[in-house]
Amino acid sequence: MPIRVQWDSNFSVGNDLLDQQHRRLLGLCNDMAECLKAGEGEWQFRFHDILHQLNQYARDHFKAEESLLQKCQFAGMDAQLAEHHTYVEKMTDWAFAASMDSIDMLEVQHYLAVWWRDHILLSDMQYKGLVSSRDRLQGPSRFGPLT
């Protein structure tokens, strides 16, 4: 049975852009779950399309997140980059497997739903205070605007 992950306030990292992107990524995982429940028809094509969207959108999200974390001088940057790299490698492998029609779609959907849930709730929460406080400031520094 596919896994669905519902967004709630516990997923918020306190940054509107990143929260919006995280919602979209979880939504794509849920769309993938719906494809698997649909059964016959064009669900397989739709699943592959969503897999492609997850691959592309995650890359865009990682760029935005990494840029913000670098600006904030996030101490856990190396771990964050390593997780992102592992995700991209896994998605590349699955894209190839999907092109060869040798992919276990239920396994992929489970992995992605759990990965995004855990990544947001465990890894991304480590920077929550840093990016949410940065949003409230007017200048480029966590310590206030430069004058």
N, C-alpha and C. Protein backbone atom coordinates (compact mmCIF):
# COMPACT_ATOMS: atom_id res chain seq x y z
N MET A 1 0.83 -1.17 0.00
CA MET A 1 0.00 0.00 0.00
C MET A 1 0.89 1.25 0.00
N PRO A 2 0.59 2.23 -0.85
CA PRO A 2 1.37 3.46 -0.92
C PRO A 2 1.31 4.25 0.40
N ILE A 3 2.33 5.05 0.63
CA ILE A 3 2.42 5.89 1.83
C ILE A 3 2.09 7.32 1.45
N ARG A 4 1.20 7.92 2.21
CA ARG A 4 0.87 9.34 2.04
C ARG A 4 1.40 10.11 3.23
N VAL A 5 1.91 11.31 2.98
CA VAL A 5 2.41 12.18 4.05
C VAL A 5 1.65 13.50 3.96
N GLN A 6 0.90 13.81 4.99
CA GLN A 6 0.13 15.04 5.02
C GLN A 6 0.92 16.17 5.68
N TRP A 7 0.97 17.30 5.03
CA TRP A 7 1.65 18.47 5.56
C TRP A 7 0.89 18.96 6.78
N ASP A 8 1.63 19.31 7.81
CA ASP A 8 1.07 20.04 8.94
C ASP A 8 2.14 20.98 9.47
N SER A 9 1.81 21.74 10.47
CA SER A 9 2.72 22.77 10.96
C SER A 9 4.04 22.21 11.48
N ASN A 10 4.09 20.95 11.86
CA ASN A 10 5.34 20.34 12.32
C ASN A 10 6.40 20.28 11.23
N PHE A 11 5.98 20.39 9.97
CA PHE A 11 6.92 20.34 8.85
C PHE A 11 7.52 21.71 8.54
N SER A 12 7.00 22.77 9.12
CA SER A 12 7.46 24.11 8.79
C SER A 12 8.86 24.36 9.34
N VAL A 13 9.74 24.85 8.46
CA VAL A 13 11.08 25.25 8.88
C VAL A 13 11.14 26.75 9.15
N GLY A 14 10.00 27.43 9.02
CA GLY A 14 9.94 28.85 9.33
C GLY A 14 10.35 29.76 8.20
N ASN A 15 10.50 29.22 7.01
CA ASN A 15 10.87 30.01 5.84
C ASN A 15 9.81 29.74 4.77
N ASP A 16 9.12 30.78 4.33
CA ASP A 16 8.00 30.60 3.41
C ASP A 16 8.38 29.86 2.13
N LEU A 17 9.50 30.25 1.52
CA LEU A 17 9.90 29.61 0.26
C LEU A 17 10.20 28.12 0.47
N LEU A 18 10.99 27.80 1.48
CA LEU A 18 11.34 26.40 1.72
C LEU A 18 10.11 25.59 2.12
N ASP A 19 9.23 26.18 2.92
CA ASP A 19 8.00 25.47 3.30
C ASP A 19 7.14 25.19 2.08
N GLN A 20 7.03 26.17 1.20
CA GLN A 20 6.26 25.99 -0.03
C GLN A 20 6.86 24.87 -0.88
N GLN A 21 8.17 24.86 -1.00
CA GLN A 21 8.83 23.82 -1.79
C GLN A 21 8.65 22.45 -1.13
N HIS A 22 8.77 22.39 0.18
CA HIS A 22 8.58 21.12 0.88
C HIS A 22 7.14 20.60 0.68
N ARG A 23 6.17 21.51 0.75
CA ARG A 23 4.77 21.10 0.51
C ARG A 23 4.63 20.50 -0.88
N ARG A 24 5.23 21.14 -1.84
CA ARG A 24 5.15 20.66 -3.24
C ARG A 24 5.79 19.27 -3.38
N LEU A 25 6.93 19.09 -2.75
CA LEU A 25 7.62 17.79 -2.83
C LEU A 25 6.80 16.69 -2.17
N LEU A 26 6.23 16.97 -1.02
CA LEU A 26 5.36 15.98 -0.37
C LEU A 26 4.11 15.73 -1.21
N GLY A 27 3.60 16.78 -1.83
CA GLY A 27 2.44 16.64 -2.72
C GLY A 27 2.74 15.72 -3.90
N LEU A 28 3.93 15.84 -4.46
CA LEU A 28 4.31 14.96 -5.56
C LEU A 28 4.41 13.51 -5.09
N CYS A 29 4.94 13.30 -3.89
CA CYS A 29 4.97 11.94 -3.33
C CYS A 29 3.56 11.39 -3.17
N ASN A 30 2.63 12.24 -2.75
CA ASN A 30 1.24 11.81 -2.60
C ASN A 30 0.57 11.58 -3.95
N ASP A 31 0.93 12.39 -4.95
CA ASP A 31 0.42 12.15 -6.31
C ASP A 31 0.89 10.79 -6.82
N MET A 32 2.12 10.46 -6.50
CA MET A 32 2.67 9.16 -6.87
C MET A 32 1.87 8.04 -6.21
N ALA A 33 1.51 8.23 -4.95
CA ALA A 33 0.70 7.24 -4.23
C ALA A 33 -0.65 7.06 -4.91
N GLU A 34 -1.25 8.16 -5.36
CA GLU A 34 -2.54 8.09 -6.04
C GLU A 34 -2.43 7.32 -7.35
N CYS A 35 -1.33 7.49 -8.06
CA CYS A 35 -1.11 6.73 -9.29
C CYS A 35 -1.12 5.23 -9.01
N LEU A 36 -0.46 4.84 -7.96
CA LEU A 36 -0.37 3.42 -7.64
C LEU A 36 -1.73 2.86 -7.23
N LYS A 37 -2.56 3.67 -6.62
CA LYS A 37 -3.89 3.22 -6.23
C LYS A 37 -4.85 3.15 -7.41
N ALA A 38 -4.55 3.91 -8.48
CA ALA A 38 -5.44 4.01 -9.62
C ALA A 38 -5.55 2.71 -10.41
N GLY A 39 -4.49 1.94 -10.45
CA GLY A 39 -4.54 0.67 -11.18
C GLY A 39 -4.26 0.82 -12.65
N GLU A 40 -5.11 0.23 -13.46
CA GLU A 40 -4.91 0.17 -14.91
C GLU A 40 -5.01 1.53 -15.59
N GLY A 41 -4.59 1.57 -16.83
CA GLY A 41 -4.71 2.78 -17.62
C GLY A 41 -3.39 3.49 -17.77
N GLU A 42 -3.44 4.81 -17.71
CA GLU A 42 -2.25 5.63 -17.94
C GLU A 42 -1.49 5.92 -16.65
N TRP A 43 -1.79 5.23 -15.58
CA TRP A 43 -1.15 5.50 -14.29
C TRP A 43 0.35 5.31 -14.35
N GLN A 44 0.81 4.34 -15.15
CA GLN A 44 2.24 4.08 -15.24
C GLN A 44 2.98 5.26 -15.88
N PHE A 45 2.41 5.82 -16.94
CA PHE A 45 3.00 7.00 -17.57
C PHE A 45 3.00 8.16 -16.59
N ARG A 46 1.90 8.35 -15.88
CA ARG A 46 1.79 9.45 -14.90
C ARG A 46 2.83 9.27 -13.78
N PHE A 47 3.02 8.04 -13.33
CA PHE A 47 4.01 7.75 -12.29
C PHE A 47 5.40 8.19 -12.75
N HIS A 48 5.76 7.84 -13.97
CA HIS A 48 7.07 8.21 -14.51
C HIS A 48 7.20 9.72 -14.64
N ASP A 49 6.12 10.37 -15.03
CA ASP A 49 6.13 11.83 -15.13
C ASP A 49 6.36 12.46 -13.75
N ILE A 50 5.70 11.94 -12.73
CA ILE A 50 5.88 12.47 -11.38
C ILE A 50 7.30 12.20 -10.88
N LEU A 51 7.83 11.04 -11.19
CA LEU A 51 9.22 10.73 -10.82
C LEU A 51 10.17 11.77 -11.43
N HIS A 52 9.93 12.10 -12.68
CA HIS A 52 10.74 13.12 -13.35
C HIS A 52 10.57 14.49 -12.66
N GLN A 53 9.33 14.85 -12.33
CA GLN A 53 9.08 16.12 -11.65
C GLN A 53 9.77 16.15 -10.28
N LEU A 54 9.71 15.06 -9.55
CA LEU A 54 10.38 14.99 -8.25
C LEU A 54 11.89 15.17 -8.39
N ASN A 55 12.43 14.61 -9.43
CA ASN A 55 13.86 14.73 -9.68
C ASN A 55 14.22 16.20 -9.96
N GLN A 56 13.51 16.81 -10.89
CA GLN A 56 13.80 18.19 -11.28
C GLN A 56 13.51 19.18 -10.16
N TYR A 57 12.34 19.05 -9.54
CA TYR A 57 11.94 20.01 -8.51
C TYR A 57 12.85 19.91 -7.29
N ALA A 58 13.25 18.69 -6.95
CA ALA A 58 14.16 18.52 -5.80
C ALA A 58 15.50 19.21 -6.07
N ARG A 59 15.99 19.11 -7.28
CA ARG A 59 17.25 19.79 -7.61
C ARG A 59 17.12 21.31 -7.45
N ASP A 60 16.01 21.85 -7.92
CA ASP A 60 15.77 23.30 -7.75
C ASP A 60 15.66 23.65 -6.27
N HIS A 61 14.94 22.83 -5.52
CA HIS A 61 14.80 23.06 -4.09
C HIS A 61 16.16 23.01 -3.39
N PHE A 62 16.96 22.01 -3.72
CA PHE A 62 18.27 21.88 -3.08
C PHE A 62 19.13 23.12 -3.34
N LYS A 63 19.08 23.64 -4.56
CA LYS A 63 19.85 24.84 -4.89
C LYS A 63 19.40 26.02 -4.01
N ALA A 64 18.09 26.21 -3.91
CA ALA A 64 17.56 27.32 -3.10
C ALA A 64 17.92 27.14 -1.63
N GLU A 65 17.75 25.92 -1.14
CA GLU A 65 18.03 25.64 0.27
C GLU A 65 19.52 25.81 0.57
N GLU A 66 20.36 25.26 -0.28
CA GLU A 66 21.81 25.35 -0.06
C GLU A 66 22.28 26.79 -0.13
N SER A 67 21.73 27.57 -1.03
CA SER A 67 22.11 28.98 -1.13
C SER A 67 21.76 29.73 0.16
N LEU A 68 20.56 29.52 0.65
CA LEU A 68 20.14 30.17 1.89
C LEU A 68 20.99 29.72 3.07
N LEU A 69 21.27 28.43 3.14
CA LEU A 69 22.06 27.90 4.26
C LEU A 69 23.50 28.42 4.22
N GLN A 70 24.04 28.59 3.03
CA GLN A 70 25.39 29.16 2.93
C GLN A 70 25.38 30.61 3.42
N LYS A 71 24.38 31.37 3.03
CA LYS A 71 24.28 32.76 3.46
C LYS A 71 24.14 32.86 4.99
N CYS A 72 23.45 31.88 5.56
CA CYS A 72 23.25 31.86 7.03
C CYS A 72 24.42 31.21 7.76
N GLN A 73 25.39 30.71 7.01
CA GLN A 73 26.55 30.02 7.59
C GLN A 73 26.12 28.85 8.48
N PHE A 74 25.25 28.02 7.94
CA PHE A 74 24.72 26.85 8.65
C PHE A 74 25.84 25.86 8.93
N ALA A 75 26.03 25.53 10.19
CA ALA A 75 27.13 24.65 10.61
C ALA A 75 26.97 23.22 10.09
N GLY A 76 25.77 22.78 9.81
CA GLY A 76 25.53 21.41 9.35
C GLY A 76 25.49 21.29 7.83
N MET A 77 26.12 22.21 7.15
CA MET A 77 26.06 22.26 5.69
C MET A 77 26.60 20.98 5.03
N ASP A 78 27.71 20.44 5.52
CA ASP A 78 28.29 19.25 4.91
C ASP A 78 27.33 18.07 4.94
N ALA A 79 26.66 17.86 6.06
CA ALA A 79 25.70 16.77 6.18
C ALA A 79 24.52 16.99 5.25
N GLN A 80 24.06 18.23 5.16
CA GLN A 80 22.94 18.57 4.29
C GLN A 80 23.31 18.30 2.82
N LEU A 81 24.50 18.71 2.41
CA LEU A 81 24.97 18.47 1.05
C LEU A 81 25.10 16.99 0.75
N ALA A 82 25.58 16.22 1.71
CA ALA A 82 25.73 14.78 1.51
C ALA A 82 24.37 14.11 1.31
N GLU A 83 23.38 14.51 2.09
CA GLU A 83 22.03 13.95 1.92
C GLU A 83 21.46 14.31 0.56
N HIS A 84 21.64 15.54 0.16
CA HIS A 84 21.15 15.97 -1.15
C HIS A 84 21.83 15.19 -2.27
N HIS A 85 23.12 14.99 -2.15
CA HIS A 85 23.88 14.25 -3.17
C HIS A 85 23.37 12.80 -3.26
N THR A 86 23.16 12.17 -2.13
CA THR A 86 22.67 10.79 -2.11
C THR A 86 21.30 10.71 -2.77
N TYR A 87 20.44 11.67 -2.47
CA TYR A 87 19.11 11.70 -3.09
C TYR A 87 19.22 11.81 -4.61
N VAL A 88 20.03 12.72 -5.09
CA VAL A 88 20.19 12.93 -6.53
C VAL A 88 20.72 11.66 -7.20
N GLU A 89 21.67 11.00 -6.58
CA GLU A 89 22.19 9.74 -7.14
C GLU A 89 21.10 8.69 -7.23
N LYS A 90 20.32 8.55 -6.17
CA LYS A 90 19.24 7.56 -6.14
C LYS A 90 18.21 7.87 -7.24
N MET A 91 17.87 9.14 -7.38
CA MET A 91 16.91 9.53 -8.41
C MET A 91 17.45 9.27 -9.82
N THR A 92 18.73 9.47 -10.00
CA THR A 92 19.35 9.20 -11.30
C THR A 92 19.26 7.71 -11.61
N ASP A 93 19.52 6.88 -10.63
CA ASP A 93 19.41 5.43 -10.82
C ASP A 93 17.98 5.04 -11.17
N TRP A 94 17.01 5.62 -10.46
CA TRP A 94 15.61 5.29 -10.72
C TRP A 94 15.15 5.80 -12.08
N ALA A 95 15.64 6.96 -12.48
CA ALA A 95 15.27 7.47 -13.80
C ALA A 95 15.74 6.51 -14.89
N PHE A 96 16.95 5.99 -14.71
CA PHE A 96 17.46 5.02 -15.67
C PHE A 96 16.63 3.73 -15.63
N ALA A 97 16.34 3.23 -14.43
CA ALA A 97 15.54 2.02 -14.30
C ALA A 97 14.15 2.21 -14.89
N ALA A 98 13.56 3.38 -14.69
CA ALA A 98 12.24 3.66 -15.25
C ALA A 98 12.28 3.65 -16.77
N SER A 99 13.36 4.17 -17.34
CA SER A 99 13.47 4.20 -18.79
C SER A 99 13.61 2.79 -19.37
N MET A 100 14.06 1.85 -18.54
CA MET A 100 14.21 0.45 -18.96
C MET A 100 13.02 -0.40 -18.52
N ASP A 101 11.99 0.23 -17.95
CA ASP A 101 10.80 -0.47 -17.42
C ASP A 101 11.17 -1.54 -16.41
N SER A 102 12.18 -1.26 -15.60
CA SER A 102 12.59 -2.21 -14.57
C SER A 102 12.64 -1.52 -13.20
N ILE A 103 11.51 -0.97 -12.82
CA ILE A 103 11.46 -0.22 -11.57
C ILE A 103 10.29 -0.73 -10.72
N ASP A 104 10.54 -0.89 -9.46
CA ASP A 104 9.49 -1.28 -8.52
C ASP A 104 8.84 0.01 -8.01
N MET A 105 7.71 0.34 -8.59
CA MET A 105 7.09 1.64 -8.32
C MET A 105 6.65 1.79 -6.86
N LEU A 106 6.17 0.73 -6.27
CA LEU A 106 5.75 0.82 -4.87
C LEU A 106 6.97 1.07 -3.97
N GLU A 107 8.06 0.40 -4.24
CA GLU A 107 9.29 0.61 -3.47
C GLU A 107 9.78 2.06 -3.61
N VAL A 108 9.74 2.57 -4.83
CA VAL A 108 10.17 3.94 -5.08
C VAL A 108 9.28 4.93 -4.33
N GLN A 109 7.97 4.73 -4.41
CA GLN A 109 7.05 5.64 -3.73
C GLN A 109 7.26 5.60 -2.22
N HIS A 110 7.41 4.42 -1.66
CA HIS A 110 7.68 4.31 -0.21
C HIS A 110 8.96 5.05 0.16
N TYR A 111 10.00 4.79 -0.57
CA TYR A 111 11.29 5.42 -0.28
C TYR A 111 11.19 6.94 -0.31
N LEU A 112 10.58 7.47 -1.37
CA LEU A 112 10.50 8.92 -1.52
C LEU A 112 9.64 9.58 -0.44
N ALA A 113 8.50 9.00 -0.14
CA ALA A 113 7.63 9.57 0.90
C ALA A 113 8.34 9.57 2.25
N VAL A 114 8.99 8.48 2.59
CA VAL A 114 9.70 8.39 3.87
C VAL A 114 10.93 9.29 3.87
N TRP A 115 11.65 9.32 2.75
CA TRP A 115 12.86 10.15 2.68
C TRP A 115 12.51 11.62 2.90
N TRP A 116 11.50 12.12 2.17
CA TRP A 116 11.14 13.52 2.32
C TRP A 116 10.60 13.82 3.72
N ARG A 117 9.78 12.93 4.25
CA ARG A 117 9.27 13.13 5.61
C ARG A 117 10.42 13.25 6.60
N ASP A 118 11.32 12.28 6.55
CA ASP A 118 12.43 12.25 7.50
C ASP A 118 13.42 13.38 7.26
N HIS A 119 13.68 13.69 6.01
CA HIS A 119 14.63 14.76 5.69
C HIS A 119 14.13 16.10 6.25
N ILE A 120 12.87 16.37 6.06
CA ILE A 120 12.32 17.63 6.55
C ILE A 120 12.26 17.63 8.08
N LEU A 121 11.71 16.57 8.67
CA LEU A 121 11.49 16.56 10.11
C LEU A 121 12.76 16.37 10.93
N LEU A 122 13.78 15.77 10.35
CA LEU A 122 15.01 15.52 11.09
C LEU A 122 16.15 16.45 10.64
N SER A 123 16.51 16.37 9.39
CA SER A 123 17.66 17.14 8.88
C SER A 123 17.36 18.63 8.77
N ASP A 124 16.25 18.97 8.13
CA ASP A 124 15.96 20.38 7.89
C ASP A 124 15.59 21.12 9.17
N MET A 125 15.05 20.43 10.13
CA MET A 125 14.71 21.09 11.40
C MET A 125 15.96 21.61 12.13
N GLN A 126 17.12 21.11 11.77
CA GLN A 126 18.35 21.58 12.40
C GLN A 126 18.66 23.04 12.05
N TYR A 127 18.13 23.52 10.94
CA TYR A 127 18.37 24.92 10.57
C TYR A 127 17.16 25.81 10.81
N LYS A 128 16.10 25.28 11.36
CA LYS A 128 14.85 26.03 11.50
C LYS A 128 15.04 27.39 12.19
N GLY A 129 15.66 27.44 13.33
CA GLY A 129 15.84 28.70 14.03
C GLY A 129 16.67 29.69 13.26
N LEU A 130 17.59 29.19 12.48
CA LEU A 130 18.49 30.05 11.71
C LEU A 130 17.77 30.73 10.56
N VAL A 131 17.02 29.99 9.77
CA VAL A 131 16.35 30.59 8.61
C VAL A 131 15.09 31.34 8.99
N SER A 132 14.41 30.92 10.04
CA SER A 132 13.20 31.65 10.42
C SER A 132 13.56 33.00 11.03
N SER A 133 14.64 33.07 11.82
CA SER A 133 15.04 34.36 12.38
C SER A 133 15.59 35.26 11.29
N ARG A 134 16.24 34.68 10.29
CA ARG A 134 16.79 35.47 9.19
C ARG A 134 15.67 36.14 8.41
N ASP A 135 14.53 35.47 8.25
CA ASP A 135 13.41 36.04 7.52
C ASP A 135 12.88 37.32 8.16
N ARG A 136 13.01 37.43 9.46
CA ARG A 136 12.45 38.58 10.17
C ARG A 136 13.37 39.79 10.13
N LEU A 137 14.59 39.60 9.69
CA LEU A 137 15.55 40.70 9.68
C LEU A 137 15.51 41.45 8.36
N GLN A 138 15.91 42.69 8.40
CA GLN A 138 15.89 43.52 7.20
C GLN A 138 17.18 43.40 6.39
N GLY A 139 18.30 43.12 7.05
CA GLY A 139 19.58 43.12 6.36
C GLY A 139 20.11 41.73 6.11
N PRO A 140 21.32 41.66 5.52
CA PRO A 140 21.91 40.37 5.17
C PRO A 140 22.49 39.62 6.36
N SER A 141 22.57 40.23 7.51
CA SER A 141 23.18 39.60 8.67
C SER A 141 22.13 39.12 9.65
N ARG A 142 22.43 38.03 10.36
CA ARG A 142 21.54 37.56 11.42
C ARG A 142 21.50 38.55 12.57
N PHE A 143 22.44 39.45 12.62
CA PHE A 143 22.56 40.35 13.74
C PHE A 143 21.93 41.72 13.46
N GLY A 144 21.28 41.86 12.32
CA GLY A 144 20.61 43.11 12.00
C GLY A 144 21.16 43.74 10.74
N PRO A 145 20.52 44.79 10.29
CA PRO A 145 20.94 45.44 9.05
C PRO A 145 22.27 46.17 9.21
N LEU A 146 22.99 46.24 8.13
CA LEU A 146 24.23 47.01 8.12
C LEU A 146 23.89 48.46 7.88
N THR A 147 24.55 49.37 8.59
CA THR A 147 24.26 50.79 8.38
C THR A 147 25.53 51.53 7.99
